[in-house]
Amino acid sequence: MKAPEIPANEPARLRSLHASGLVGSAPSERFDRITRLARHLFGTQYALLSLVDANELWLQSCVGWERNGVPREISFCGHAILEFSPMVVEDALKDDRFFDNPLVTGPPHLRFYAGCPVRSPDGYAIGSLCLVDDKPHSLTCAQISILQDLAAIVEDEFSVLNNTIRDELTGLSNRRGFTTLGNYALLSGKRRGEPLSLSYIDLDYFKEINDTWGHRAGDQALVAMAQLMKQSFRDADVISRQGGDEFSVLFIDSDVDGAWLAMQSLQDKVESYNRSAGNPWQLQFSWGVEEYNPDHHETLDALIDAADRGMYHMKKARHVAR
């Protein structure tokens, strides 16, 4: 048996998967109707929408198959997400990768698999829409095109769901998206023994921008801040707009000193932006940083509250000095 390789972009792929909020979620008719249609069109025993997590598959929708996890190391879908087109195994007993796979040699005695990778809105292959049977099958080019069309419908549904966890103005995660991904990051960090730090950010004098130059200028300031944060922080870091003029960033594998250095880098970029942008207003912000300590922060909200208090102290000191 050949275990599936791990994609080179695995950390980012897993973040994208968990940011979707799908792993661990309840069954949804929006996906069940697609797998029902797939099984009907192709006449297979099973049709599944699987999401490939770090160690096992999460079956987001399954028709004919019991809703339980499959270890990633023996999964067919772990191989399918490595492809850019559907992976078709006409007879697993004749395939060097799968002939001795436990899913083939034992129940449910799989012989046929056709899986089309499905991608999150940011382009990561997070799972597979797949057809499975205990008898060999072959697919025509027309049938493969139909499977790809159904996978595209799944991706459209991913985009709809993504809009509920993204801030429309800035494109950053919103509060809901940040909570989902932040909780996953905390669990992962604890498991690997990696430090995490959170910064809470608030724009200074933002009301003055809105009152003096209008809400369009206020939106411009928010978008500019979001762009500068993206430029300053790593792809691994979790950036969000919490609401209004408040932002947060969860620094992955970074202690408080590293987080402060990153915030200083953001400060430098903001100052450079102010010098070159030619706006009648200045972009300014206050922040607080808190390193995650499971003994002090039982939840993500507790970590946010601690960083928020630090931000408030900085903002108060700056207002007094103004």
Protein backbone atom coordinates (compact mmCIF):
# COMPACT_ATOMS: atom_id res chain seq x y z
CA MET A 1 0.00 0.00 0.00
CA LYS A 2 1.22 3.47 -0.83
CA ALA A 3 0.25 6.18 1.65
CA PRO A 4 -0.60 9.55 0.10
CA GLU A 5 2.13 12.16 0.02
CA ILE A 6 1.75 15.34 2.06
CA PRO A 7 1.33 18.45 -0.14
CA ALA A 8 4.10 21.05 0.02
CA ASN A 9 1.54 23.66 1.08
CA GLU A 10 0.06 21.46 3.82
CA PRO A 11 0.09 24.05 6.69
CA ALA A 12 -1.67 26.66 4.55
CA ARG A 13 -4.03 24.01 3.15
CA LEU A 14 -5.09 22.92 6.63
CA ARG A 15 -5.61 26.54 7.71
CA SER A 16 -7.83 27.07 4.70
CA LEU A 17 -9.77 23.90 5.49
CA HIS A 18 -10.38 24.84 9.11
CA ALA A 19 -11.14 28.46 8.26
CA SER A 20 -14.09 27.14 6.25
CA GLY A 21 -15.76 25.95 9.45
CA LEU A 22 -16.80 22.74 7.70
CA VAL A 23 -14.78 20.23 9.73
CA GLY A 24 -16.96 19.05 12.57
CA SER A 25 -20.09 20.72 11.18
CA ALA A 26 -23.46 19.03 10.87
CA PRO A 27 -24.63 17.44 7.62
CA SER A 28 -25.97 19.98 5.15
CA GLU A 29 -28.60 19.60 2.47
CA ARG A 30 -26.58 21.90 0.22
CA PHE A 31 -23.97 19.12 -0.11
CA ASP A 32 -26.20 16.07 0.38
CA ARG A 33 -28.23 16.90 -2.72
CA ILE A 34 -25.01 16.93 -4.78
CA THR A 35 -23.83 13.53 -3.56
CA ARG A 36 -27.34 12.07 -4.04
CA LEU A 37 -27.33 13.33 -7.60
CA ALA A 38 -23.84 11.96 -8.20
CA ARG A 39 -24.74 8.47 -7.04
CA HIS A 40 -27.88 8.54 -9.17
CA LEU A 41 -26.09 9.74 -12.31
CA PHE A 42 -23.21 7.27 -12.07
CA GLY A 43 -25.02 4.33 -10.49
CA THR A 44 -22.30 3.70 -7.89
CA GLN A 45 -22.75 2.23 -4.45
CA TYR A 46 -21.42 5.33 -2.69
CA ALA A 47 -20.95 9.03 -3.36
CA LEU A 48 -18.99 11.13 -0.88
CA LEU A 49 -17.77 14.63 -0.26
CA SER A 50 -14.68 14.18 1.88
CA LEU A 51 -12.49 16.82 3.50
CA VAL A 52 -8.89 15.78 4.06
CA ASP A 53 -7.81 16.83 7.55
CA ALA A 54 -4.37 16.31 9.09
CA ASN A 55 -4.90 12.68 10.05
CA GLU A 56 -8.29 11.57 8.78
CA LEU A 57 -11.10 12.35 6.38
CA TRP A 58 -14.12 14.33 7.48
CA LEU A 59 -17.10 13.06 5.49
CA GLN A 60 -19.07 16.23 4.93
CA SER A 61 -21.65 14.32 2.92
CA CYS A 62 -21.96 10.60 2.32
CA VAL A 63 -24.63 8.63 0.51
CA GLY A 64 -24.62 4.89 1.21
CA TRP A 65 -21.56 5.15 3.46
CA GLU A 66 -21.67 5.30 7.24
CA ARG A 67 -20.68 8.74 8.50
CA ASN A 68 -17.41 7.86 10.18
CA GLY A 69 -13.86 8.99 9.62
CA VAL A 70 -11.31 7.25 7.39
CA PRO A 71 -7.62 7.43 8.33
CA ARG A 72 -5.84 9.68 5.86
CA GLU A 73 -2.93 7.29 5.41
CA ILE A 74 -5.19 4.64 3.84
CA SER A 75 -7.54 7.02 2.05
CA PHE A 76 -7.93 7.33 -1.71
CA CYS A 77 -8.92 10.99 -1.29
CA GLY A 78 -5.51 11.77 0.20
CA HIS A 79 -4.11 10.90 -3.23
CA ALA A 80 -6.87 12.69 -5.14
CA ILE A 81 -6.12 16.12 -3.60
CA LEU A 82 -2.62 15.92 -5.07
CA GLU A 83 -4.09 15.97 -8.60
CA PHE A 84 -5.44 18.82 -10.72
CA SER A 85 -7.94 16.60 -12.55
CA PRO A 86 -10.12 13.69 -11.42
CA MET A 87 -8.27 10.62 -10.19
CA VAL A 88 -9.91 7.46 -11.56
CA VAL A 89 -9.06 3.98 -10.25
CA GLU A 90 -11.01 1.53 -12.40
CA ASP A 91 -9.97 -1.55 -10.41
CA ALA A 92 -8.07 -1.08 -7.17
CA LEU A 93 -6.83 -4.69 -7.22
CA LYS A 94 -4.87 -3.81 -10.35
CA ASP A 95 -3.42 -0.58 -9.01
CA ASP A 96 -0.01 -0.74 -7.28
CA ARG A 97 -1.05 2.02 -4.87
CA PHE A 98 -4.18 0.30 -3.56
CA PHE A 99 -4.23 -3.47 -4.21
CA ASP A 100 -3.26 -4.23 -0.59
CA ASN A 101 -5.09 -1.29 0.99
CA PRO A 102 -7.26 -2.31 4.00
CA LEU A 103 -10.28 -0.67 2.35
CA VAL A 104 -9.74 -2.98 -0.62
CA THR A 105 -8.72 -6.23 1.06
CA GLY A 106 -11.36 -5.87 3.80
CA PRO A 107 -14.75 -4.19 4.25
CA PRO A 108 -16.06 -2.34 2.30
CA HIS A 109 -13.92 -4.14 -0.36
CA LEU A 110 -13.52 -1.12 -2.62
CA ARG A 111 -12.66 -1.72 -6.25
CA PHE A 112 -13.63 1.50 -8.04
CA TYR A 113 -12.83 5.09 -7.07
CA ALA A 114 -13.22 8.35 -9.00
CA GLY A 115 -12.45 11.52 -7.06
CA CYS A 116 -12.32 15.10 -8.26
CA PRO A 117 -10.38 17.48 -6.00
CA VAL A 118 -12.43 20.38 -4.63
CA ARG A 119 -10.78 23.66 -3.73
CA SER A 120 -11.48 26.35 -1.19
CA PRO A 121 -12.05 29.90 -2.45
CA ASP A 122 -8.36 30.68 -1.87
CA GLY A 123 -7.30 27.83 -4.12
CA TYR A 124 -6.29 25.01 -1.76
CA ALA A 125 -7.38 21.43 -2.45
CA ILE A 126 -9.22 20.63 0.77
CA GLY A 127 -11.11 17.51 -0.26
CA SER A 128 -12.65 15.39 -2.96
CA LEU A 129 -16.04 14.72 -4.48
CA CYS A 130 -15.82 11.01 -5.11
CA LEU A 131 -17.65 7.99 -6.45
CA VAL A 132 -16.92 4.59 -4.88
CA ASP A 133 -18.08 1.05 -5.60
CA ASP A 134 -17.22 -2.54 -4.73
CA LYS A 135 -17.21 -3.42 -8.43
CA PRO A 136 -14.81 -2.21 -11.13
CA HIS A 137 -16.01 0.64 -13.35
CA SER A 138 -14.72 2.81 -16.14
CA LEU A 139 -15.76 6.36 -16.98
CA THR A 140 -16.12 8.00 -20.36
CA CYS A 141 -14.73 11.47 -21.03
CA ALA A 142 -18.28 12.79 -20.87
CA GLN A 143 -18.82 11.23 -17.44
CA ILE A 144 -15.56 12.71 -16.14
CA SER A 145 -16.75 16.11 -17.33
CA ILE A 146 -20.00 15.63 -15.39
CA LEU A 147 -18.04 14.77 -12.25
CA GLN A 148 -15.98 17.94 -12.71
CA ASP A 149 -19.17 19.97 -13.13
CA LEU A 150 -20.55 18.58 -9.88
CA ALA A 151 -17.26 19.37 -8.13
CA ALA A 152 -17.52 22.94 -9.44
CA ILE A 153 -20.98 23.18 -7.84
CA VAL A 154 -19.43 22.07 -4.53
CA GLU A 155 -16.82 24.81 -4.89
CA ASP A 156 -19.58 27.35 -5.57
CA GLU A 157 -21.17 26.30 -2.27
CA PHE A 158 -17.78 26.74 -0.57
CA SER A 159 -17.69 30.31 -1.92
CA VAL A 160 -21.15 31.04 -0.53
CA LEU A 161 -20.10 29.77 2.90
CA ASN A 162 -16.82 31.67 2.67
CA ASN A 163 -18.74 34.93 2.40
CA THR A 164 -20.08 34.33 5.90
CA ILE A 165 -16.57 34.23 7.42
CA ARG A 166 -14.93 37.04 5.39
CA ASP A 167 -15.16 40.76 5.93
CA GLU A 168 -16.63 42.17 2.73
CA LEU A 169 -14.74 45.46 2.81
CA THR A 170 -11.19 44.32 3.62
CA GLY A 171 -11.21 40.67 2.57
CA LEU A 172 -9.82 39.64 5.96
CA SER A 173 -11.45 37.04 8.18
CA ASN A 174 -14.37 38.43 10.12
CA ARG A 175 -14.97 37.69 13.79
CA ARG A 176 -16.65 34.38 13.03
CA GLY A 177 -13.87 33.26 10.70
CA PHE A 178 -11.20 34.32 13.16
CA THR A 179 -12.87 32.39 15.98
CA THR A 180 -12.99 29.21 13.89
CA LEU A 181 -9.41 29.42 12.68
CA GLY A 182 -8.05 30.84 15.94
CA ASN A 183 -9.42 27.96 18.02
CA TYR A 184 -7.90 25.49 15.58
CA ALA A 185 -4.54 27.30 15.80
CA LEU A 186 -4.61 27.18 19.61
CA LEU A 187 -5.28 23.45 19.63
CA SER A 188 -2.58 22.81 17.05
CA GLY A 189 -0.07 24.99 18.88
CA LYS A 190 -0.70 23.21 22.18
CA ARG A 191 -0.31 19.82 20.51
CA ARG A 192 3.00 20.78 18.91
CA GLY A 193 4.27 22.81 21.86
CA GLU A 194 4.62 25.97 19.76
CA PRO A 195 4.18 29.49 21.19
CA LEU A 196 1.37 31.71 19.94
CA SER A 197 0.82 35.41 20.50
CA LEU A 198 -2.11 37.66 19.72
CA SER A 199 -2.17 41.36 18.95
CA TYR A 200 -5.32 43.45 19.19
CA ILE A 201 -5.28 46.61 17.07
CA ASP A 202 -7.47 49.70 17.03
CA LEU A 203 -7.18 52.66 14.66
CA ASP A 204 -6.59 55.97 16.42
CA TYR A 205 -8.78 58.97 15.61
CA PHE A 206 -10.81 56.95 13.14
CA LYS A 207 -14.00 58.82 14.04
CA GLU A 208 -12.26 62.06 13.07
CA ILE A 209 -11.51 60.65 9.62
CA ASN A 210 -15.18 59.75 9.12
CA ASP A 211 -16.48 63.03 10.53
CA THR A 212 -14.04 65.27 8.64
CA TRP A 213 -13.53 63.55 5.29
CA GLY A 214 -16.52 61.22 5.11
CA HIS A 215 -17.18 57.51 5.28
CA ARG A 216 -15.52 56.85 1.95
CA ALA A 217 -12.25 58.06 3.46
CA GLY A 218 -12.95 55.89 6.49
CA ASP A 219 -13.38 52.84 4.26
CA GLN A 220 -10.16 53.76 2.46
CA ALA A 221 -8.33 53.85 5.79
CA LEU A 222 -9.67 50.41 6.78
CA VAL A 223 -8.70 48.86 3.45
CA ALA A 224 -5.24 50.45 3.61
CA MET A 225 -4.70 49.09 7.11
CA ALA A 226 -5.76 45.61 6.01
CA GLN A 227 -3.34 45.70 3.06
CA LEU A 228 -0.46 46.86 5.23
CA MET A 229 -1.15 44.06 7.70
CA LYS A 230 -1.07 41.50 4.89
CA GLN A 231 2.27 42.91 3.75
CA SER A 232 3.74 42.95 7.26
CA PHE A 233 2.73 39.55 8.55
CA ARG A 234 3.40 36.00 7.39
CA ASP A 235 0.99 33.84 5.44
CA ALA A 236 0.84 31.57 8.47
CA ASP A 237 -0.51 34.32 10.73
CA VAL A 238 -4.28 34.69 11.18
CA ILE A 239 -5.44 38.25 10.44
CA SER A 240 -8.96 39.52 10.99
CA ARG A 241 -11.14 42.59 11.15
CA GLN A 242 -13.00 42.18 14.40
CA GLY A 243 -15.47 44.91 13.53
CA GLY A 244 -15.51 48.69 13.13
CA ASP A 245 -11.92 49.93 13.30
CA GLU A 246 -10.61 46.97 15.30
CA PHE A 247 -8.31 44.25 13.97
CA SER A 248 -6.49 41.27 15.41
CA VAL A 249 -3.65 39.00 14.38
CA LEU A 250 -2.73 35.63 15.83
CA PHE A 251 0.99 35.04 15.36
CA ILE A 252 1.69 31.34 14.79
CA ASP A 253 4.84 29.86 16.36
CA SER A 254 5.81 33.26 17.79
CA ASP A 255 6.44 34.40 21.35
CA VAL A 256 5.63 37.88 22.60
CA ASP A 257 9.02 39.28 21.54
CA GLY A 258 8.53 38.05 17.99
CA ALA A 259 5.03 39.51 17.93
CA TRP A 260 6.33 42.91 19.07
CA LEU A 261 8.91 42.90 16.31
CA ALA A 262 6.18 42.15 13.78
CA MET A 263 4.07 45.00 15.15
CA GLN A 264 7.03 47.36 14.89
CA SER A 265 7.37 46.31 11.25
CA LEU A 266 3.71 47.18 10.73
CA GLN A 267 4.29 50.56 12.41
CA ASP A 268 7.15 51.26 9.98
CA LYS A 269 4.99 50.36 6.98
CA VAL A 270 2.16 52.58 8.22
CA GLU A 271 4.52 55.54 8.62
CA SER A 272 5.88 54.96 5.11
CA TYR A 273 2.33 54.79 3.78
CA ASN A 274 1.44 58.08 5.45
CA ARG A 275 4.43 59.80 3.83
CA SER A 276 3.68 58.57 0.33
CA ALA A 277 -0.11 58.17 0.08
CA GLY A 278 -0.95 61.88 -0.07
CA ASN A 279 -4.11 61.54 2.02
CA PRO A 280 -5.39 64.53 4.01
CA TRP A 281 -5.61 62.18 7.02
CA GLN A 282 -3.00 60.05 8.79
CA LEU A 283 -3.32 56.35 9.47
CA GLN A 284 -2.48 55.69 13.13
CA PHE A 285 -3.13 52.78 15.45
CA SER A 286 -2.63 51.42 18.96
CA TRP A 287 -2.05 47.80 19.85
CA GLY A 288 -1.62 45.30 22.66
CA VAL A 289 0.18 41.97 22.54
CA GLU A 290 -0.39 38.90 24.69
CA GLU A 291 1.38 35.54 24.52
CA TYR A 292 -0.87 32.52 24.88
CA ASN A 293 -0.61 30.70 28.19
CA PRO A 294 -3.09 27.84 28.69
CA ASP A 295 -2.91 28.37 32.45
CA HIS A 296 -4.07 31.98 32.10
CA HIS A 297 -6.17 31.90 28.93
CA GLU A 298 -8.76 29.17 28.97
CA THR A 299 -10.32 30.35 25.72
CA LEU A 300 -9.48 32.38 22.64
CA ASP A 301 -11.76 35.14 23.98
CA ALA A 302 -9.66 35.35 27.15
CA LEU A 303 -6.53 35.83 25.05
CA ILE A 304 -8.27 38.53 23.00
CA ASP A 305 -9.43 40.32 26.15
CA ALA A 306 -5.89 40.39 27.55
CA ALA A 307 -4.46 41.85 24.31
CA ASP A 308 -7.36 44.30 24.15
CA ARG A 309 -6.47 45.62 27.60
CA GLY A 310 -2.90 46.19 26.45
CA MET A 311 -4.20 48.07 23.42
CA TYR A 312 -6.38 50.26 25.62
CA HIS A 313 -3.41 51.24 27.80
CA MET A 314 -1.38 52.25 24.74
CA LYS A 315 -4.28 54.23 23.30
CA LYS A 316 -4.91 56.01 26.59
CA ALA A 317 -1.24 56.99 26.89
CA ARG A 318 -1.19 58.32 23.32
CA HIS A 319 -4.33 60.38 23.81
CA VAL A 320 -2.91 61.92 26.98
CA ALA A 321 0.31 62.78 25.18
CA ARG A 322 -1.48 64.31 22.19
